[in-house]
Amino acid sequence: MNKFYNKSHKGFSLIESLVVIAVVSILLSISFGGIYMIRRAQVNGATQQIVTQLKRAKGYATSYDKSSVRICFKNDDKGTLCASIQYATDEGYVEKYSQSVGKGIKVSFKDSNGWNNPLGNVPLYIYFDKRSGRVTKVTSDFGALGEREWTDETSVYGVFSIWNSRGNTTKVGSVKLYYENGTVD
């Protein structure tokens, strides 16, 4: 009988510890890949929602007899980006349709002149012409700094950049809005 071997010792061997570490690392790598895919799907869904809402606003502007139609993008009090289609009345703008675009995403808007608006609590308004569906102006209200207008005669398009707000700073979605005819790419 070996005098160094003691049956009352119940520890793990080095091999058993390495097997456990290998299994845990495999499970973690699988779960991180799944989380990345879920976040990418959220951004892709938000990108498609922005496209849908811009097309809906343009369609509403050209199909109904309203003097002015605009779409408003802003975060609600829970951090969810919302798109609201509104039309002008004598009393101001009235909401026609509102849709959540996505939660846990970040969106910024930059036009071809380089003016940038990170969409957060500052709303972004895009106005559509009722006859042609073209974008007539893009504005944002910065509160104390006043309203800034992006669209002028030299601006050709604006780009929405979409990414996940949970640590991933890589842009994974974009939507280009051409001002002259209101098309979305």
N, C-alpha and C. Protein backbone atom coordinates (compact mmCIF):
# COMPACT_ATOMS: atom_id res chain seq x y z
N MET A 1 0.83 -1.18 0.00
CA MET A 1 0.00 0.00 0.00
C MET A 1 0.88 1.24 0.00
N ASN A 2 0.46 2.21 -0.78
CA ASN A 2 1.22 3.43 -0.92
C ASN A 2 0.95 4.33 0.28
N LYS A 3 2.03 4.76 0.93
CA LYS A 3 1.84 5.57 2.14
C LYS A 3 1.44 7.02 1.83
N PHE A 4 1.59 7.47 0.55
CA PHE A 4 1.20 8.84 0.18
C PHE A 4 -0.26 8.94 -0.25
N TYR A 5 -0.87 7.82 -0.55
CA TYR A 5 -2.26 7.83 -1.02
C TYR A 5 -3.18 7.75 0.18
N ASN A 6 -4.09 8.71 0.27
CA ASN A 6 -5.02 8.72 1.39
C ASN A 6 -6.43 8.74 0.84
N LYS A 7 -7.24 7.76 1.18
CA LYS A 7 -8.61 7.66 0.66
C LYS A 7 -9.52 8.75 1.22
N SER A 8 -9.18 9.36 2.31
CA SER A 8 -10.05 10.39 2.88
C SER A 8 -9.90 11.73 2.15
N HIS A 9 -8.84 11.89 1.33
CA HIS A 9 -8.66 13.13 0.56
C HIS A 9 -9.61 13.11 -0.64
N LYS A 10 -10.51 14.12 -0.74
CA LYS A 10 -11.53 14.13 -1.78
C LYS A 10 -11.42 15.38 -2.65
N GLY A 11 -10.26 15.78 -3.10
CA GLY A 11 -10.06 16.94 -3.95
C GLY A 11 -10.19 16.58 -5.42
N PHE A 12 -10.08 17.61 -6.28
CA PHE A 12 -10.14 17.41 -7.72
C PHE A 12 -8.74 17.24 -8.26
N SER A 13 -8.61 16.40 -9.23
CA SER A 13 -7.31 16.25 -9.87
C SER A 13 -7.13 17.38 -10.89
N LEU A 14 -5.92 17.56 -11.37
CA LEU A 14 -5.63 18.58 -12.36
C LEU A 14 -6.40 18.33 -13.65
N ILE A 15 -6.52 17.11 -14.06
CA ILE A 15 -7.26 16.74 -15.28
C ILE A 15 -8.73 17.11 -15.13
N GLU A 16 -9.32 16.80 -14.02
CA GLU A 16 -10.74 17.13 -13.80
C GLU A 16 -10.96 18.64 -13.84
N SER A 17 -10.07 19.40 -13.25
CA SER A 17 -10.18 20.86 -13.26
C SER A 17 -10.07 21.40 -14.67
N LEU A 18 -9.14 20.89 -15.47
CA LEU A 18 -8.97 21.35 -16.85
C LEU A 18 -10.19 21.02 -17.70
N VAL A 19 -10.80 19.87 -17.48
CA VAL A 19 -12.01 19.50 -18.23
C VAL A 19 -13.14 20.47 -17.90
N VAL A 20 -13.31 20.80 -16.63
CA VAL A 20 -14.37 21.73 -16.23
C VAL A 20 -14.13 23.11 -16.85
N ILE A 21 -12.89 23.58 -16.82
CA ILE A 21 -12.56 24.88 -17.41
C ILE A 21 -12.84 24.87 -18.91
N ALA A 22 -12.50 23.80 -19.60
CA ALA A 22 -12.74 23.69 -21.04
C ALA A 22 -14.23 23.72 -21.35
N VAL A 23 -15.03 22.98 -20.59
CA VAL A 23 -16.48 22.94 -20.83
C VAL A 23 -17.10 24.32 -20.58
N VAL A 24 -16.70 24.99 -19.50
CA VAL A 24 -17.24 26.32 -19.19
C VAL A 24 -16.85 27.32 -20.28
N SER A 25 -15.62 27.27 -20.76
CA SER A 25 -15.21 28.21 -21.80
C SER A 25 -15.96 27.97 -23.11
N ILE A 26 -16.25 26.73 -23.44
CA ILE A 26 -17.04 26.42 -24.65
C ILE A 26 -18.46 26.98 -24.50
N LEU A 27 -19.06 26.77 -23.35
CA LEU A 27 -20.41 27.28 -23.12
C LEU A 27 -20.45 28.81 -23.17
N LEU A 28 -19.45 29.47 -22.60
CA LEU A 28 -19.41 30.93 -22.64
C LEU A 28 -19.25 31.45 -24.06
N SER A 29 -18.40 30.81 -24.85
CA SER A 29 -18.22 31.28 -26.22
C SER A 29 -19.49 31.11 -27.05
N ILE A 30 -20.22 30.04 -26.81
CA ILE A 30 -21.50 29.84 -27.50
C ILE A 30 -22.51 30.91 -27.08
N SER A 31 -22.59 31.20 -25.78
CA SER A 31 -23.58 32.19 -25.32
C SER A 31 -23.24 33.59 -25.78
N PHE A 32 -21.96 33.98 -25.82
CA PHE A 32 -21.59 35.31 -26.31
C PHE A 32 -21.93 35.45 -27.78
N GLY A 33 -21.73 34.41 -28.56
CA GLY A 33 -22.11 34.45 -29.97
C GLY A 33 -23.61 34.63 -30.13
N GLY A 34 -24.39 33.97 -29.29
CA GLY A 34 -25.85 34.11 -29.33
C GLY A 34 -26.30 35.50 -28.96
N ILE A 35 -25.66 36.09 -27.96
CA ILE A 35 -26.00 37.45 -27.55
C ILE A 35 -25.69 38.44 -28.67
N TYR A 36 -24.54 38.26 -29.33
CA TYR A 36 -24.18 39.12 -30.45
C TYR A 36 -25.22 39.01 -31.56
N MET A 37 -25.67 37.80 -31.86
CA MET A 37 -26.65 37.62 -32.92
C MET A 37 -27.99 38.28 -32.56
N ILE A 38 -28.37 38.20 -31.30
CA ILE A 38 -29.62 38.83 -30.85
C ILE A 38 -29.52 40.35 -31.01
N ARG A 39 -28.40 40.92 -30.59
CA ARG A 39 -28.22 42.37 -30.70
C ARG A 39 -28.18 42.81 -32.16
N ARG A 40 -27.54 42.03 -32.99
CA ARG A 40 -27.50 42.37 -34.42
C ARG A 40 -28.91 42.29 -35.02
N ALA A 41 -29.70 41.32 -34.59
CA ALA A 41 -31.08 41.21 -35.07
C ALA A 41 -31.91 42.42 -34.63
N GLN A 42 -31.66 42.92 -33.40
CA GLN A 42 -32.37 44.12 -32.94
C GLN A 42 -32.05 45.31 -33.83
N VAL A 43 -30.79 45.47 -34.18
CA VAL A 43 -30.39 46.59 -35.02
C VAL A 43 -30.96 46.44 -36.42
N ASN A 44 -30.92 45.23 -36.97
CA ASN A 44 -31.50 45.00 -38.30
C ASN A 44 -32.99 45.29 -38.30
N GLY A 45 -33.68 44.89 -37.23
CA GLY A 45 -35.11 45.17 -37.11
C GLY A 45 -35.38 46.67 -37.02
N ALA A 46 -34.56 47.38 -36.27
CA ALA A 46 -34.72 48.84 -36.16
C ALA A 46 -34.45 49.52 -37.50
N THR A 47 -33.46 49.02 -38.22
CA THR A 47 -33.16 49.58 -39.55
C THR A 47 -34.36 49.42 -40.47
N GLN A 48 -34.97 48.25 -40.47
CA GLN A 48 -36.14 48.01 -41.31
C GLN A 48 -37.33 48.87 -40.86
N GLN A 49 -37.47 49.08 -39.55
CA GLN A 49 -38.56 49.92 -39.05
C GLN A 49 -38.39 51.38 -39.50
N ILE A 50 -37.15 51.88 -39.50
CA ILE A 50 -36.91 53.25 -39.96
C ILE A 50 -37.27 53.37 -41.43
N VAL A 51 -36.87 52.39 -42.23
CA VAL A 51 -37.21 52.40 -43.67
C VAL A 51 -38.73 52.40 -43.84
N THR A 52 -39.40 51.52 -43.12
CA THR A 52 -40.86 51.40 -43.21
C THR A 52 -41.55 52.71 -42.83
N GLN A 53 -41.10 53.32 -41.73
CA GLN A 53 -41.75 54.54 -41.26
C GLN A 53 -41.51 55.71 -42.21
N LEU A 54 -40.32 55.80 -42.79
CA LEU A 54 -40.05 56.87 -43.77
C LEU A 54 -40.92 56.69 -45.02
N LYS A 55 -41.05 55.46 -45.49
CA LYS A 55 -41.91 55.19 -46.65
C LYS A 55 -43.37 55.47 -46.32
N ARG A 56 -43.77 55.13 -45.11
CA ARG A 56 -45.16 55.37 -44.70
C ARG A 56 -45.44 56.87 -44.64
N ALA A 57 -44.50 57.64 -44.11
CA ALA A 57 -44.69 59.10 -44.02
C ALA A 57 -44.78 59.71 -45.41
N LYS A 58 -43.90 59.29 -46.31
CA LYS A 58 -43.94 59.80 -47.69
C LYS A 58 -45.27 59.43 -48.35
N GLY A 59 -45.71 58.19 -48.17
CA GLY A 59 -46.98 57.75 -48.74
C GLY A 59 -48.15 58.52 -48.18
N TYR A 60 -48.11 58.78 -46.89
CA TYR A 60 -49.18 59.56 -46.27
C TYR A 60 -49.19 60.99 -46.81
N ALA A 61 -47.99 61.55 -47.01
CA ALA A 61 -47.90 62.93 -47.52
C ALA A 61 -48.47 63.04 -48.92
N THR A 62 -48.23 62.07 -49.76
CA THR A 62 -48.68 62.15 -51.15
C THR A 62 -50.10 61.63 -51.36
N SER A 63 -50.62 60.85 -50.43
CA SER A 63 -51.94 60.23 -50.62
C SER A 63 -53.09 61.02 -50.01
N TYR A 64 -52.81 61.80 -48.99
CA TYR A 64 -53.88 62.52 -48.30
C TYR A 64 -53.71 64.02 -48.51
N ASP A 65 -54.79 64.72 -48.44
CA ASP A 65 -54.77 66.15 -48.67
C ASP A 65 -54.46 66.88 -47.36
N LYS A 66 -53.22 66.83 -46.96
CA LYS A 66 -52.77 67.54 -45.76
C LYS A 66 -51.76 68.59 -46.19
N SER A 67 -51.77 69.73 -45.52
CA SER A 67 -50.88 70.81 -45.93
C SER A 67 -49.42 70.48 -45.67
N SER A 68 -49.14 69.80 -44.59
CA SER A 68 -47.76 69.44 -44.28
C SER A 68 -47.74 68.13 -43.49
N VAL A 69 -46.85 67.25 -43.86
CA VAL A 69 -46.68 65.98 -43.15
C VAL A 69 -45.22 65.88 -42.73
N ARG A 70 -45.02 65.46 -41.50
CA ARG A 70 -43.66 65.26 -41.01
C ARG A 70 -43.59 63.97 -40.21
N ILE A 71 -42.37 63.46 -40.09
CA ILE A 71 -42.13 62.30 -39.23
C ILE A 71 -41.16 62.75 -38.16
N CYS A 72 -41.43 62.34 -36.94
CA CYS A 72 -40.62 62.72 -35.80
C CYS A 72 -39.95 61.47 -35.22
N PHE A 73 -38.64 61.50 -35.10
CA PHE A 73 -37.90 60.43 -34.43
C PHE A 73 -37.38 60.97 -33.11
N LYS A 74 -37.68 60.28 -32.00
CA LYS A 74 -37.15 60.66 -30.70
C LYS A 74 -37.29 59.50 -29.73
N ASN A 75 -36.52 59.56 -28.65
CA ASN A 75 -36.61 58.55 -27.61
C ASN A 75 -37.74 58.90 -26.66
N ASP A 76 -38.48 57.88 -26.23
CA ASP A 76 -39.49 58.13 -25.21
C ASP A 76 -38.80 58.07 -23.84
N ASP A 77 -39.60 58.19 -22.76
CA ASP A 77 -39.02 58.24 -21.42
C ASP A 77 -38.41 56.91 -20.98
N LYS A 78 -38.63 55.83 -21.72
CA LYS A 78 -38.04 54.53 -21.38
C LYS A 78 -36.83 54.21 -22.25
N GLY A 79 -36.39 55.14 -23.09
CA GLY A 79 -35.22 54.92 -23.93
C GLY A 79 -35.51 54.19 -25.22
N THR A 80 -36.78 54.07 -25.59
CA THR A 80 -37.14 53.42 -26.84
C THR A 80 -37.29 54.47 -27.93
N LEU A 81 -36.62 54.25 -29.07
CA LEU A 81 -36.75 55.18 -30.18
C LEU A 81 -38.11 55.00 -30.84
N CYS A 82 -38.83 56.08 -31.02
CA CYS A 82 -40.17 56.05 -31.61
C CYS A 82 -40.22 56.93 -32.85
N ALA A 83 -41.03 56.51 -33.80
CA ALA A 83 -41.30 57.30 -35.00
C ALA A 83 -42.76 57.68 -34.97
N SER A 84 -43.04 58.97 -35.15
CA SER A 84 -44.40 59.48 -35.10
C SER A 84 -44.68 60.27 -36.37
N ILE A 85 -45.69 59.85 -37.14
CA ILE A 85 -46.10 60.57 -38.34
C ILE A 85 -47.17 61.58 -37.94
N GLN A 86 -46.95 62.85 -38.31
CA GLN A 86 -47.83 63.93 -37.89
C GLN A 86 -48.22 64.78 -39.09
N TYR A 87 -49.39 65.40 -39.01
CA TYR A 87 -49.81 66.32 -40.06
C TYR A 87 -50.23 67.65 -39.44
N ALA A 88 -50.13 68.69 -40.24
CA ALA A 88 -50.39 70.04 -39.76
C ALA A 88 -51.88 70.35 -39.76
N THR A 89 -52.31 71.03 -38.71
CA THR A 89 -53.66 71.58 -38.61
C THR A 89 -53.50 73.05 -38.21
N ASP A 90 -54.62 73.74 -38.06
CA ASP A 90 -54.57 75.13 -37.63
C ASP A 90 -54.03 75.27 -36.20
N GLU A 91 -54.21 74.24 -35.39
CA GLU A 91 -53.77 74.27 -33.99
C GLU A 91 -52.35 73.76 -33.80
N GLY A 92 -51.73 73.23 -34.83
CA GLY A 92 -50.39 72.64 -34.72
C GLY A 92 -50.37 71.26 -35.36
N TYR A 93 -49.39 70.48 -35.03
CA TYR A 93 -49.27 69.14 -35.61
C TYR A 93 -50.02 68.12 -34.78
N VAL A 94 -50.71 67.22 -35.47
CA VAL A 94 -51.49 66.15 -34.84
C VAL A 94 -50.87 64.82 -35.24
N GLU A 95 -50.76 63.94 -34.26
CA GLU A 95 -50.17 62.63 -34.54
C GLU A 95 -51.16 61.73 -35.27
N LYS A 96 -50.73 61.19 -36.39
CA LYS A 96 -51.53 60.26 -37.18
C LYS A 96 -51.19 58.82 -36.83
N TYR A 97 -49.90 58.55 -36.63
CA TYR A 97 -49.44 57.18 -36.43
C TYR A 97 -48.14 57.22 -35.63
N SER A 98 -48.00 56.29 -34.69
CA SER A 98 -46.77 56.21 -33.91
C SER A 98 -46.34 54.75 -33.80
N GLN A 99 -45.04 54.52 -33.89
CA GLN A 99 -44.52 53.16 -33.87
C GLN A 99 -43.18 53.14 -33.16
N SER A 100 -42.98 52.13 -32.31
CA SER A 100 -41.68 51.93 -31.70
C SER A 100 -40.71 51.39 -32.75
N VAL A 101 -39.54 52.01 -32.83
CA VAL A 101 -38.53 51.57 -33.79
C VAL A 101 -37.61 50.55 -33.17
N GLY A 102 -37.24 50.73 -31.93
CA GLY A 102 -36.37 49.76 -31.28
C GLY A 102 -35.89 50.22 -29.93
N LYS A 103 -35.66 49.27 -29.04
CA LYS A 103 -35.13 49.54 -27.71
C LYS A 103 -33.71 49.01 -27.65
N GLY A 104 -32.84 49.72 -26.95
CA GLY A 104 -31.47 49.28 -26.81
C GLY A 104 -30.61 49.55 -28.04
N ILE A 105 -31.03 50.53 -28.83
CA ILE A 105 -30.25 50.90 -30.01
C ILE A 105 -29.91 52.37 -29.95
N LYS A 106 -28.89 52.76 -30.68
CA LYS A 106 -28.55 54.17 -30.84
C LYS A 106 -28.67 54.51 -32.31
N VAL A 107 -29.17 55.70 -32.57
CA VAL A 107 -29.36 56.15 -33.94
C VAL A 107 -28.84 57.58 -34.03
N SER A 108 -28.14 57.88 -35.11
CA SER A 108 -27.76 59.26 -35.39
C SER A 108 -28.16 59.58 -36.82
N PHE A 109 -28.33 60.86 -37.09
CA PHE A 109 -28.71 61.31 -38.43
C PHE A 109 -27.68 62.34 -38.87
N LYS A 110 -27.13 62.15 -40.05
CA LYS A 110 -26.13 63.07 -40.59
C LYS A 110 -26.49 63.35 -42.05
N ASP A 111 -26.52 64.63 -42.43
CA ASP A 111 -26.85 64.92 -43.82
C ASP A 111 -25.58 65.11 -44.64
N SER A 112 -25.76 65.28 -45.93
CA SER A 112 -24.63 65.33 -46.85
C SER A 112 -23.76 66.56 -46.66
N ASN A 113 -24.23 67.56 -45.91
CA ASN A 113 -23.41 68.73 -45.58
C ASN A 113 -22.55 68.48 -44.34
N GLY A 114 -22.78 67.34 -43.66
CA GLY A 114 -21.98 67.01 -42.48
C GLY A 114 -22.62 67.36 -41.15
N TRP A 115 -23.81 67.97 -41.16
CA TRP A 115 -24.47 68.27 -39.89
C TRP A 115 -24.97 66.98 -39.28
N ASN A 116 -24.73 66.84 -37.98
CA ASN A 116 -24.98 65.57 -37.31
C ASN A 116 -25.94 65.76 -36.15
N ASN A 117 -26.85 64.83 -35.96
CA ASN A 117 -27.77 64.84 -34.83
C ASN A 117 -27.82 63.45 -34.24
N PRO A 118 -27.20 63.23 -33.07
CA PRO A 118 -27.38 61.94 -32.40
C PRO A 118 -28.79 61.90 -31.81
N LEU A 119 -29.62 61.01 -32.30
CA LEU A 119 -31.00 60.97 -31.84
C LEU A 119 -31.04 60.46 -30.42
N GLY A 120 -31.57 61.25 -29.57
CA GLY A 120 -31.74 60.88 -28.17
C GLY A 120 -33.04 61.49 -27.72
N ASN A 121 -32.95 62.38 -26.74
CA ASN A 121 -34.15 63.07 -26.29
C ASN A 121 -34.46 64.28 -27.17
N VAL A 122 -33.55 64.61 -28.09
CA VAL A 122 -33.76 65.72 -29.02
C VAL A 122 -34.50 65.16 -30.25
N PRO A 123 -35.72 65.61 -30.50
CA PRO A 123 -36.46 65.07 -31.65
C PRO A 123 -35.91 65.55 -32.98
N LEU A 124 -35.99 64.69 -33.97
CA LEU A 124 -35.61 65.01 -35.34
C LEU A 124 -36.88 65.00 -36.17
N TYR A 125 -37.14 66.08 -36.92
CA TYR A 125 -38.33 66.18 -37.76
C TYR A 125 -37.92 66.18 -39.22
N ILE A 126 -38.58 65.36 -40.01
CA ILE A 126 -38.36 65.32 -41.45
C ILE A 126 -39.69 65.65 -42.11
N TYR A 127 -39.70 66.71 -42.91
CA TYR A 127 -40.92 67.20 -43.56
C TYR A 127 -40.98 66.74 -45.00
N PHE A 128 -42.17 66.30 -45.43
CA PHE A 128 -42.37 65.81 -46.80
C PHE A 128 -43.34 66.73 -47.54
N ASP A 129 -43.07 66.95 -48.83
CA ASP A 129 -43.96 67.71 -49.69
C ASP A 129 -45.16 66.85 -50.06
N LYS A 130 -46.35 67.45 -50.04
CA LYS A 130 -47.56 66.65 -50.28
C LYS A 130 -47.76 66.27 -51.74
N ARG A 131 -47.18 66.99 -52.66
CA ARG A 131 -47.36 66.65 -54.08
C ARG A 131 -46.33 65.64 -54.57
N SER A 132 -45.06 65.92 -54.27
CA SER A 132 -43.99 65.09 -54.84
C SER A 132 -43.44 64.05 -53.87
N GLY A 133 -43.66 64.25 -52.59
CA GLY A 133 -43.10 63.33 -51.60
C GLY A 133 -41.64 63.61 -51.28
N ARG A 134 -41.09 64.70 -51.85
CA ARG A 134 -39.69 65.03 -51.57
C ARG A 134 -39.57 65.60 -50.16
N VAL A 135 -38.37 65.52 -49.63
CA VAL A 135 -38.10 66.09 -48.31
C VAL A 135 -37.92 67.59 -48.48
N THR A 136 -38.71 68.37 -47.74
CA THR A 136 -38.61 69.83 -47.86
C THR A 136 -37.65 70.41 -46.84
N LYS A 137 -37.59 69.81 -45.65
CA LYS A 137 -36.61 70.25 -44.66
C LYS A 137 -36.46 69.20 -43.57
N VAL A 138 -35.35 69.31 -42.87
CA VAL A 138 -35.08 68.45 -41.71
C VAL A 138 -34.67 69.38 -40.58
N THR A 139 -35.37 69.29 -39.46
CA THR A 139 -35.06 70.18 -38.33
C THR A 139 -34.93 69.36 -37.05
N SER A 140 -34.30 69.99 -36.09
CA SER A 140 -34.19 69.41 -34.76
C SER A 140 -34.24 70.54 -33.75
N ASP A 141 -34.97 70.34 -32.68
CA ASP A 141 -35.12 71.37 -31.66
C ASP A 141 -34.16 71.06 -30.51
N PHE A 142 -33.15 71.91 -30.34
CA PHE A 142 -32.16 71.71 -29.29
C PHE A 142 -32.48 72.50 -28.03
N GLY A 143 -33.73 72.79 -27.80
CA GLY A 143 -34.13 73.49 -26.59
C GLY A 143 -33.54 74.89 -26.52
N ALA A 144 -32.65 75.12 -25.54
CA ALA A 144 -32.07 76.44 -25.33
C ALA A 144 -31.22 76.89 -26.52
N LEU A 145 -30.67 75.94 -27.27
CA LEU A 145 -29.87 76.30 -28.44
C LEU A 145 -30.72 76.63 -29.65
N GLY A 146 -32.01 76.38 -29.55
CA GLY A 146 -32.92 76.71 -30.64
C GLY A 146 -33.03 75.59 -31.66
N GLU A 147 -33.79 75.88 -32.70
CA GLU A 147 -34.03 74.89 -33.75
C GLU A 147 -32.94 75.01 -34.81
N ARG A 148 -32.43 73.86 -35.24
CA ARG A 148 -31.46 73.83 -36.34
C ARG A 148 -32.10 73.17 -37.54
N GLU A 149 -31.85 73.75 -38.69
CA GLU A 149 -32.40 73.20 -39.93
C GLU A 149 -31.25 72.66 -40.77
N TRP A 150 -31.40 71.42 -41.18
CA TRP A 150 -30.33 70.77 -41.93
C TRP A 150 -30.48 70.95 -43.43
N THR A 151 -31.66 70.77 -43.94
CA THR A 151 -31.84 70.72 -45.38
C THR A 151 -31.77 72.11 -45.99
N ASP A 152 -30.93 72.25 -46.97
CA ASP A 152 -30.92 73.45 -47.79
C ASP A 152 -30.68 73.01 -49.23
N GLU A 153 -30.44 73.95 -50.11
CA GLU A 153 -30.32 73.62 -51.53
C GLU A 153 -29.11 72.74 -51.84
N THR A 154 -28.09 72.74 -50.97
CA THR A 154 -26.89 71.96 -51.26
C THR A 154 -26.94 70.56 -50.66
N SER A 155 -27.87 70.30 -49.75
CA SER A 155 -27.99 68.96 -49.17
C SER A 155 -28.67 68.03 -50.15
N VAL A 156 -28.14 66.84 -50.29
CA VAL A 156 -28.67 65.87 -51.23
C VAL A 156 -29.37 64.73 -50.51
N TYR A 157 -28.83 64.30 -49.40
CA TYR A 157 -29.38 63.16 -48.68
C TYR A 157 -29.01 63.25 -47.20
N GLY A 158 -29.67 62.40 -46.42
CA GLY A 158 -29.33 62.23 -45.01
C GLY A 158 -29.20 60.75 -44.73
N VAL A 159 -28.35 60.40 -43.77
CA VAL A 159 -28.10 59.00 -43.45
C VAL A 159 -28.39 58.75 -41.98
N PHE A 160 -29.22 57.75 -41.72
CA PHE A 160 -29.42 57.25 -40.37
C PHE A 160 -28.38 56.16 -40.13
N SER A 161 -27.62 56.26 -39.05
CA SER A 161 -26.69 55.21 -38.65
C SER A 161 -27.24 54.55 -37.40
N ILE A 162 -27.29 53.22 -37.39
CA ILE A 162 -27.93 52.48 -36.31
C ILE A 162 -26.93 51.48 -35.73
N TRP A 163 -26.82 51.44 -34.42
CA TRP A 163 -25.98 50.44 -33.76
C TRP A 163 -26.57 50.11 -32.40
N ASN A 164 -26.04 49.07 -31.78
CA ASN A 164 -26.53 48.61 -30.49
C ASN A 164 -25.95 49.49 -29.39
N SER A 165 -26.75 49.84 -28.41
CA SER A 165 -26.29 50.73 -27.35
C SER A 165 -25.62 49.99 -26.21
N ARG A 166 -25.58 48.69 -26.25
CA ARG A 166 -25.01 47.91 -25.14
C ARG A 166 -23.56 47.52 -25.45
N GLY A 167 -22.69 48.51 -25.45
CA GLY A 167 -21.27 48.23 -25.56
C GLY A 167 -20.72 48.09 -26.97
N ASN A 168 -21.55 47.82 -27.95
CA ASN A 168 -21.07 47.64 -29.31
C ASN A 168 -21.11 48.99 -30.02
N THR A 169 -19.95 49.53 -30.34
CA THR A 169 -19.91 50.84 -30.98
C THR A 169 -19.79 50.74 -32.49
N THR A 170 -19.76 49.54 -33.02
CA THR A 170 -19.65 49.35 -34.46
C THR A 170 -21.02 49.55 -35.10
N LYS A 171 -21.08 50.44 -36.09
CA LYS A 171 -22.34 50.68 -36.81
C LYS A 171 -22.67 49.44 -37.62
N VAL A 172 -23.86 48.93 -37.47
CA VAL A 172 -24.24 47.74 -38.21
C VAL A 172 -25.44 47.97 -39.13
N GLY A 173 -26.00 49.15 -39.11
CA GLY A 173 -27.12 49.43 -39.99
C GLY A 173 -27.09 50.87 -40.45
N SER A 174 -27.57 51.12 -41.66
CA SER A 174 -27.69 52.50 -42.12
C SER A 174 -28.83 52.59 -43.12
N VAL A 175 -29.45 53.76 -43.14
CA VAL A 175 -30.55 54.05 -44.04
C VAL A 175 -30.27 55.41 -44.68
N LYS A 176 -30.30 55.47 -45.99
CA LYS A 176 -30.06 56.73 -46.70
C LYS A 176 -31.38 57.25 -47.24
N LEU A 177 -31.68 58.52 -46.94
CA LEU A 177 -32.90 59.18 -47.39
C LEU A 177 -32.50 60.28 -48.37
N TYR A 178 -32.93 60.12 -49.63
CA TYR A 178 -32.64 61.12 -50.66
C TYR A 178 -33.70 62.22 -50.60
N TYR A 179 -33.25 63.47 -50.46
CA TYR A 179 -34.17 64.58 -50.27
C TYR A 179 -35.00 64.89 -51.51
N GLU A 180 -34.40 64.84 -52.67
CA GLU A 180 -35.08 65.32 -53.88
C GLU A 180 -36.36 64.56 -54.19
N ASN A 181 -36.36 63.23 -54.00
CA ASN A 181 -37.57 62.47 -54.30
C ASN A 181 -38.11 61.69 -53.11
N GLY A 182 -37.47 61.80 -51.95
CA GLY A 182 -37.96 61.13 -50.76
C GLY A 182 -37.76 59.63 -50.75
N THR A 183 -36.91 59.10 -51.64
CA THR A 183 -36.69 57.66 -51.64
C THR A 183 -35.73 57.25 -50.54
N VAL A 184 -35.87 56.00 -50.15
CA VAL A 184 -35.06 55.44 -49.05
C VAL A 184 -34.23 54.30 -49.61
N ASP A 185 -32.97 54.29 -49.22
CA ASP A 185 -32.06 53.24 -49.69
C ASP A 185 -31.42 52.54 -48.52
